[in-house]
All heavy atoms as atom14 arrays in JSON, in Angstrom:
{
  "sequence": "EKDLQTYGFLGYPLLQAADILIYRALYVPVGEDQ",
  "atom14_mask": [
    [1, 1, 1, 1, 1, 1, 1, 1, 1, 0, 0, 0, 0, 0],
    [1, 1, 1, 1, 1, 1, 1, 1, 1, 0, 0, 0, 0, 0],
    [1, 1, 1, 1, 1, 1, 1, 1, 0, 0, 0, 0, 0, 0],
    [1, 1, 1, 1, 1, 1, 1, 1, 0, 0, 0, 0, 0, 0],
    [1, 1, 1, 1, 1, 1, 1, 1, 1, 0, 0, 0, 0, 0],
    [1, 1, 1, 1, 1, 1, 1, 0, 0, 0, 0, 0, 0, 0],
    [1, 1, 1, 1, 1, 1, 1, 1, 1, 1, 1, 1, 0, 0],
    [1, 1, 1, 1, 0, 0, 0, 0, 0, 0, 0, 0, 0, 0],
    [1, 1, 1, 1, 1, 1, 1, 1, 1, 1, 1, 0, 0, 0],
    [1, 1, 1, 1, 1, 1, 1, 1, 0, 0, 0, 0, 0, 0],
    [1, 1, 1, 1, 0, 0, 0, 0, 0, 0, 0, 0, 0, 0],
    [1, 1, 1, 1, 1, 1, 1, 1, 1, 1, 1, 1, 0, 0],
    [1, 1, 1, 1, 1, 1, 1, 0, 0, 0, 0, 0, 0, 0],
    [1, 1, 1, 1, 1, 1, 1, 1, 0, 0, 0, 0, 0, 0],
    [1, 1, 1, 1, 1, 1, 1, 1, 0, 0, 0, 0, 0, 0],
    [1, 1, 1, 1, 1, 1, 1, 1, 1, 0, 0, 0, 0, 0],
    [1, 1, 1, 1, 1, 0, 0, 0, 0, 0, 0, 0, 0, 0],
    [1, 1, 1, 1, 1, 0, 0, 0, 0, 0, 0, 0, 0, 0],
    [1, 1, 1, 1, 1, 1, 1, 1, 0, 0, 0, 0, 0, 0],
    [1, 1, 1, 1, 1, 1, 1, 1, 0, 0, 0, 0, 0, 0],
    [1, 1, 1, 1, 1, 1, 1, 1, 0, 0, 0, 0, 0, 0],
    [1, 1, 1, 1, 1, 1, 1, 1, 0, 0, 0, 0, 0, 0],
    [1, 1, 1, 1, 1, 1, 1, 1, 1, 1, 1, 1, 0, 0],
    [1, 1, 1, 1, 1, 1, 1, 1, 1, 1, 1, 0, 0, 0],
    [1, 1, 1, 1, 1, 0, 0, 0, 0, 0, 0, 0, 0, 0],
    [1, 1, 1, 1, 1, 1, 1, 1, 0, 0, 0, 0, 0, 0],
    [1, 1, 1, 1, 1, 1, 1, 1, 1, 1, 1, 1, 0, 0],
    [1, 1, 1, 1, 1, 1, 1, 0, 0, 0, 0, 0, 0, 0],
    [1, 1, 1, 1, 1, 1, 1, 0, 0, 0, 0, 0, 0, 0],
    [1, 1, 1, 1, 1, 1, 1, 0, 0, 0, 0, 0, 0, 0],
    [1, 1, 1, 1, 0, 0, 0, 0, 0, 0, 0, 0, 0, 0],
    [1, 1, 1, 1, 1, 1, 1, 1, 1, 0, 0, 0, 0, 0],
    [1, 1, 1, 1, 1, 1, 1, 1, 0, 0, 0, 0, 0, 0],
    [1, 1, 1, 1, 1, 1, 1, 1, 1, 0, 0, 0, 0, 0]
  ],
  "atom14_positions": [
    [[-18.91, -11.48, -14.98], [-18.29, -12.54, -15.77], [-18.5, -13.92, -15.16], [-18.23, -14.93, -15.81], [-16.79, -12.27, -15.93], [-15.93, -12.53, -14.69], [-16.0, -11.41, -13.65], [-16.77, -10.45, -13.87], [-15.29, -11.5, -12.63], [0.0, 0.0, 0.0], [0.0, 0.0, 0.0], [0.0, 0.0, 0.0], [0.0, 0.0, 0.0], [0.0, 0.0, 0.0]],
    [[-18.98, -13.98, -13.91], [-19.21, -15.26, -13.23], [-20.7, -15.57, -13.17], [-21.52, -14.66, -13.05], [-18.63, -15.23, -11.81], [-17.11, -15.09, -11.74], [-16.65, -15.08, -10.3], [-15.13, -14.95, -10.2], [-14.46, -16.2, -10.6], [0.0, 0.0, 0.0], [0.0, 0.0, 0.0], [0.0, 0.0, 0.0], [0.0, 0.0, 0.0], [0.0, 0.0, 0.0]],
    [[-21.04, -16.83, -13.21], [-22.43, -17.26, -13.06], [-22.69, -17.44, -11.56], [-22.31, -18.45, -10.96], [-22.67, -18.58, -13.79], [-24.11, -19.08, -13.61], [-24.94, -18.3, -13.08], [-24.39, -20.22, -13.98], [0.0, 0.0, 0.0], [0.0, 0.0, 0.0], [0.0, 0.0, 0.0], [0.0, 0.0, 0.0], [0.0, 0.0, 0.0], [0.0, 0.0, 0.0]],
    [[-23.33, -16.43, -10.96], [-23.58, -16.47, -9.52], [-25.06, -16.73, -9.19], [-25.49, -16.53, -8.06], [-23.13, -15.15, -8.87], [-21.63, -14.84, -8.99], [-21.31, -13.53, -8.3], [-20.79, -15.97, -8.43], [0.0, 0.0, 0.0], [0.0, 0.0, 0.0], [0.0, 0.0, 0.0], [0.0, 0.0, 0.0], [0.0, 0.0, 0.0], [0.0, 0.0, 0.0]],
    [[-25.8, -17.2, -10.17], [-27.2, -17.55, -9.92], [-27.25, -18.97, -9.34], [-27.81, -19.89, -9.93], [-28.01, -17.46, -11.22], [-28.02, -16.07, -11.85], [-28.7, -15.03, -10.97], [-29.63, -15.35, -10.21], [-28.25, -13.8, -11.03], [0.0, 0.0, 0.0], [0.0, 0.0, 0.0], [0.0, 0.0, 0.0], [0.0, 0.0, 0.0], [0.0, 0.0, 0.0]],
    [[-26.65, -19.11, -8.17], [-26.55, -20.42, -7.53], [-27.12, -20.36, -6.12], [-27.17, -19.3, -5.49], [-25.08, -20.89, -7.44], [-24.36, -19.97, -6.61], [-24.43, -20.96, -8.82], [0.0, 0.0, 0.0], [0.0, 0.0, 0.0], [0.0, 0.0, 0.0], [0.0, 0.0, 0.0], [0.0, 0.0, 0.0], [0.0, 0.0, 0.0], [0.0, 0.0, 0.0]],
    [[-27.5, -21.52, -5.62], [-27.99, -21.62, -4.25], [-26.89, -21.24, -3.26], [-27.14, -20.57, -2.25], [-28.48, -23.04, -3.97], [-28.74, -23.33, -2.51], [-29.8, -22.73, -1.84], [-27.92, -24.2, -1.8], [-30.03, -22.99, -0.49], [-28.13, -24.46, -0.46], [-29.2, -23.85, 0.19], [-29.41, -24.1, 1.51], [0.0, 0.0, 0.0], [0.0, 0.0, 0.0]],
    [[-25.66, -21.64, -3.56], [-24.55, -21.35, -2.67], [-24.31, -19.87, -2.51], [-24.09, -19.39, -1.39], [0.0, 0.0, 0.0], [0.0, 0.0, 0.0], [0.0, 0.0, 0.0], [0.0, 0.0, 0.0], [0.0, 0.0, 0.0], [0.0, 0.0, 0.0], [0.0, 0.0, 0.0], [0.0, 0.0, 0.0], [0.0, 0.0, 0.0], [0.0, 0.0, 0.0]],
    [[-24.37, -19.12, -3.62], [-24.13, -17.69, -3.52], [-25.29, -16.97, -2.83], [-25.08, -16.06, -2.04], [-23.88, -17.08, -4.91], [-23.41, -15.66, -4.84], [-22.12, -15.37, -4.42], [-24.24, -14.61, -5.17], [-21.68, -14.06, -4.32], [-23.8, -13.3, -5.08], [-22.52, -13.03, -4.67], [0.0, 0.0, 0.0], [0.0, 0.0, 0.0], [0.0, 0.0, 0.0]],
    [[-26.51, -17.39, -3.13], [-27.67, -16.8, -2.44], [-27.58, -17.06, -0.93], [-27.91, -16.2, -0.12], [-28.97, -17.39, -2.99], [-30.26, -16.95, -2.28], [-30.49, -15.45, -2.46], [-31.45, -17.73, -2.82], [0.0, 0.0, 0.0], [0.0, 0.0, 0.0], [0.0, 0.0, 0.0], [0.0, 0.0, 0.0], [0.0, 0.0, 0.0], [0.0, 0.0, 0.0]],
    [[-27.1, -18.24, -0.58], [-27.09, -18.63, 0.83], [-25.85, -18.22, 1.61], [-25.79, -18.45, 2.82], [0.0, 0.0, 0.0], [0.0, 0.0, 0.0], [0.0, 0.0, 0.0], [0.0, 0.0, 0.0], [0.0, 0.0, 0.0], [0.0, 0.0, 0.0], [0.0, 0.0, 0.0], [0.0, 0.0, 0.0], [0.0, 0.0, 0.0], [0.0, 0.0, 0.0]],
    [[-24.89, -17.54, 0.93], [-23.65, -17.26, 1.65], [-23.85, -16.37, 2.87], [-23.15, -16.54, 3.89], [-22.57, -16.7, 0.71], [-22.57, -15.19, 0.56], [-21.85, -14.38, 1.43], [-23.27, -14.58, -0.47], [-21.86, -13.0, 1.29], [-23.28, -13.21, -0.61], [-22.56, -12.41, 0.27], [-22.58, -11.06, 0.13], [0.0, 0.0, 0.0], [0.0, 0.0, 0.0]],
    [[-24.82, -15.41, 2.9], [-25.0, -14.65, 4.15], [-25.45, -15.54, 5.32], [-25.11, -15.26, 6.47], [-26.09, -13.63, 3.78], [-26.03, -13.52, 2.3], [-25.69, -14.9, 1.83], [0.0, 0.0, 0.0], [0.0, 0.0, 0.0], [0.0, 0.0, 0.0], [0.0, 0.0, 0.0], [0.0, 0.0, 0.0], [0.0, 0.0, 0.0], [0.0, 0.0, 0.0]],
    [[-26.19, -16.6, 5.01], [-26.62, -17.5, 6.08], [-25.46, -18.38, 6.55], [-25.34, -18.68, 7.74], [-27.78, -18.38, 5.62], [-28.46, -19.19, 6.73], [-29.02, -18.28, 7.81], [-29.56, -20.07, 6.15], [0.0, 0.0, 0.0], [0.0, 0.0, 0.0], [0.0, 0.0, 0.0], [0.0, 0.0, 0.0], [0.0, 0.0, 0.0], [0.0, 0.0, 0.0]],
    [[-24.59, -18.79, 5.62], [-23.38, -19.52, 6.02], [-22.51, -18.62, 6.89], [-21.93, -19.05, 7.89], [-22.61, -19.99, 4.78], [-21.28, -20.72, 5.05], [-21.49, -21.94, 5.94], [-20.61, -21.11, 3.74], [0.0, 0.0, 0.0], [0.0, 0.0, 0.0], [0.0, 0.0, 0.0], [0.0, 0.0, 0.0], [0.0, 0.0, 0.0], [0.0, 0.0, 0.0]],
    [[-22.45, -17.35, 6.52], [-21.7, -16.38, 7.32], [-22.31, -16.26, 8.72], [-21.58, -16.19, 9.72], [-21.72, -15.02, 6.61], [-20.69, -14.03, 7.1], [-20.64, -12.81, 6.21], [-21.66, -12.14, 5.98], [-19.48, -12.49, 5.69], [0.0, 0.0, 0.0], [0.0, 0.0, 0.0], [0.0, 0.0, 0.0], [0.0, 0.0, 0.0], [0.0, 0.0, 0.0]],
    [[-23.64, -16.28, 8.8], [-24.31, -16.24, 10.1], [-23.97, -17.48, 10.91], [-23.7, -17.4, 12.13], [-25.82, -16.13, 9.9], [0.0, 0.0, 0.0], [0.0, 0.0, 0.0], [0.0, 0.0, 0.0], [0.0, 0.0, 0.0], [0.0, 0.0, 0.0], [0.0, 0.0, 0.0], [0.0, 0.0, 0.0], [0.0, 0.0, 0.0], [0.0, 0.0, 0.0]],
    [[-23.97, -18.64, 10.26], [-23.62, -19.89, 10.96], [-22.19, -19.83, 11.49], [-21.9, -20.29, 12.6], [-23.81, -21.08, 10.03], [0.0, 0.0, 0.0], [0.0, 0.0, 0.0], [0.0, 0.0, 0.0], [0.0, 0.0, 0.0], [0.0, 0.0, 0.0], [0.0, 0.0, 0.0], [0.0, 0.0, 0.0], [0.0, 0.0, 0.0], [0.0, 0.0, 0.0]],
    [[-21.26, -19.26, 10.69], [-19.87, -19.13, 11.12], [-19.78, -18.36, 12.44], [-19.0, -18.71, 13.33], [-19.05, -18.35, 10.08], [-18.96, -19.06, 8.74], [-19.06, -20.3, 8.71], [-18.81, -18.36, 7.72], [0.0, 0.0, 0.0], [0.0, 0.0, 0.0], [0.0, 0.0, 0.0], [0.0, 0.0, 0.0], [0.0, 0.0, 0.0], [0.0, 0.0, 0.0]],
    [[-20.57, -17.31, 12.55], [-20.54, -16.46, 13.74], [-21.24, -17.13, 14.92], [-20.71, -17.21, 16.03], [-21.2, -15.1, 13.44], [-20.44, -14.36, 12.34], [-21.3, -14.24, 14.7], [-21.2, -13.18, 11.74], [0.0, 0.0, 0.0], [0.0, 0.0, 0.0], [0.0, 0.0, 0.0], [0.0, 0.0, 0.0], [0.0, 0.0, 0.0], [0.0, 0.0, 0.0]],
    [[-22.44, -17.63, 14.66], [-23.29, -18.14, 15.73], [-22.75, -19.42, 16.35], [-22.98, -19.68, 17.54], [-24.71, -18.37, 15.2], [-25.44, -17.1, 14.73], [-26.78, -17.46, 14.11], [-25.63, -16.12, 15.88], [0.0, 0.0, 0.0], [0.0, 0.0, 0.0], [0.0, 0.0, 0.0], [0.0, 0.0, 0.0], [0.0, 0.0, 0.0], [0.0, 0.0, 0.0]],
    [[-22.03, -20.22, 15.58], [-21.58, -21.5, 16.12], [-20.51, -21.31, 17.2], [-20.32, -22.17, 18.06], [-21.06, -22.42, 14.99], [-21.11, -23.87, 15.47], [-19.67, -22.03, 14.52], [-21.1, -24.88, 14.37], [0.0, 0.0, 0.0], [0.0, 0.0, 0.0], [0.0, 0.0, 0.0], [0.0, 0.0, 0.0], [0.0, 0.0, 0.0], [0.0, 0.0, 0.0]],
    [[-19.86, -20.14, 17.2], [-18.88, -19.84, 18.26], [-19.46, -18.91, 19.31], [-18.74, -18.47, 20.21], [-17.6, -19.26, 17.65], [-16.95, -20.26, 16.72], [-17.07, -20.14, 15.34], [-16.3, -21.38, 17.23], [-16.54, -21.1, 14.5], [-15.76, -22.34, 16.4], [-15.9, -22.2, 15.03], [-15.38, -23.16, 14.2], [0.0, 0.0, 0.0], [0.0, 0.0, 0.0]],
    [[-20.75, -18.59, 19.16], [-21.43, -17.68, 20.09], [-20.58, -16.42, 20.26], [-20.39, -15.91, 21.37], [-21.69, -18.37, 21.42], [-22.78, -19.44, 21.3], [-22.83, -20.38, 22.47], [-24.1, -21.12, 22.49], [-24.26, -22.29, 23.1], [-23.25, -22.86, 23.71], [-25.43, -22.9, 23.08], [0.0, 0.0, 0.0], [0.0, 0.0, 0.0], [0.0, 0.0, 0.0]],
    [[-20.07, -15.94, 19.12], [-19.21, -14.76, 19.12], [-20.04, -13.52, 19.44], [-21.11, -13.32, 18.88], [-18.54, -14.6, 17.76], [0.0, 0.0, 0.0], [0.0, 0.0, 0.0], [0.0, 0.0, 0.0], [0.0, 0.0, 0.0], [0.0, 0.0, 0.0], [0.0, 0.0, 0.0], [0.0, 0.0, 0.0], [0.0, 0.0, 0.0], [0.0, 0.0, 0.0]],
    [[-19.53, -12.7, 20.34], [-20.24, -11.49, 20.71], [-19.87, -10.33, 19.79], [-20.68, -9.45, 19.54], [-19.91, -11.11, 22.16], [-20.68, -9.93, 22.75], [-22.19, -10.17, 22.69], [-20.25, -9.66, 24.17], [0.0, 0.0, 0.0], [0.0, 0.0, 0.0], [0.0, 0.0, 0.0], [0.0, 0.0, 0.0], [0.0, 0.0, 0.0], [0.0, 0.0, 0.0]],
    [[-18.64, -10.35, 19.26], [-18.18, -9.25, 18.43], [-17.7, -9.74, 17.07], [-17.02, -10.76, 16.97], [-17.03, -8.5, 19.11], [-17.4, -7.91, 20.45], [-16.75, -8.33, 21.61], [-18.38, -6.94, 20.56], [-17.08, -7.79, 22.85], [-18.73, -6.4, 21.79], [-18.07, -6.83, 22.93], [-18.41, -6.3, 24.14], [0.0, 0.0, 0.0], [0.0, 0.0, 0.0]],
    [[-18.06, -8.97, 16.03], [-17.62, -9.28, 14.67], [-17.05, -7.99, 14.08], [-17.79, -7.04, 13.81], [-18.79, -9.78, 13.79], [-18.28, -10.17, 12.41], [-19.51, -10.94, 14.46], [0.0, 0.0, 0.0], [0.0, 0.0, 0.0], [0.0, 0.0, 0.0], [0.0, 0.0, 0.0], [0.0, 0.0, 0.0], [0.0, 0.0, 0.0], [0.0, 0.0, 0.0]],
    [[-15.72, -7.91, 13.91], [-15.13, -6.69, 13.34], [-15.45, -6.56, 11.86], [-15.13, -7.44, 11.07], [-13.62, -6.9, 13.57], [-13.44, -8.37, 13.71], [-14.71, -8.92, 14.27], [0.0, 0.0, 0.0], [0.0, 0.0, 0.0], [0.0, 0.0, 0.0], [0.0, 0.0, 0.0], [0.0, 0.0, 0.0], [0.0, 0.0, 0.0], [0.0, 0.0, 0.0]],
    [[-16.11, -5.47, 11.5], [-16.52, -5.25, 10.11], [-16.42, -3.77, 9.76], [-16.41, -2.91, 10.64], [-17.98, -5.71, 9.87], [-18.12, -7.21, 9.97], [-18.95, -5.01, 10.82], [0.0, 0.0, 0.0], [0.0, 0.0, 0.0], [0.0, 0.0, 0.0], [0.0, 0.0, 0.0], [0.0, 0.0, 0.0], [0.0, 0.0, 0.0], [0.0, 0.0, 0.0]],
    [[-16.38, -3.51, 8.46], [-16.54, -2.16, 7.98], [-18.03, -1.86, 7.83], [-18.87, -2.75, 7.98], [0.0, 0.0, 0.0], [0.0, 0.0, 0.0], [0.0, 0.0, 0.0], [0.0, 0.0, 0.0], [0.0, 0.0, 0.0], [0.0, 0.0, 0.0], [0.0, 0.0, 0.0], [0.0, 0.0, 0.0], [0.0, 0.0, 0.0], [0.0, 0.0, 0.0]],
    [[-18.36, -0.62, 7.54], [-19.77, -0.23, 7.46], [-20.55, -1.03, 6.43], [-21.73, -1.31, 6.6], [-19.88, 1.27, 7.16], [-19.51, 2.15, 8.34], [-19.81, 3.61, 8.08], [-20.46, 3.92, 7.05], [-19.4, 4.46, 8.89], [0.0, 0.0, 0.0], [0.0, 0.0, 0.0], [0.0, 0.0, 0.0], [0.0, 0.0, 0.0], [0.0, 0.0, 0.0]],
    [[-19.88, -1.43, 5.33], [-20.58, -2.14, 4.26], [-21.0, -3.55, 4.68], [-21.87, -4.16, 4.05], [-19.72, -2.21, 3.01], [-18.4, -2.94, 3.24], [-17.88, -2.86, 4.37], [-17.9, -3.59, 2.32], [0.0, 0.0, 0.0], [0.0, 0.0, 0.0], [0.0, 0.0, 0.0], [0.0, 0.0, 0.0], [0.0, 0.0, 0.0], [0.0, 0.0, 0.0]],
    [[-20.38, -4.07, 5.78], [-20.71, -5.42, 6.23], [-21.68, -5.45, 7.4], [-22.09, -6.52, 7.84], [-19.42, -6.14, 6.63], [-18.5, -6.48, 5.47], [-19.08, -7.57, 4.59], [-19.5, -8.61, 5.06], [-19.12, -7.32, 3.29], [0.0, 0.0, 0.0], [0.0, 0.0, 0.0], [0.0, 0.0, 0.0], [0.0, 0.0, 0.0], [0.0, 0.0, 0.0]]
  ]
}
């Protein structure tokens, strides 16, 4: 029902990577799907 054909949605995994890398985090708690 949402229009997700956007640059922001395509790029969200990279924004997620930036969130992690900018703190030089060693551990990221996730479930298997993540």
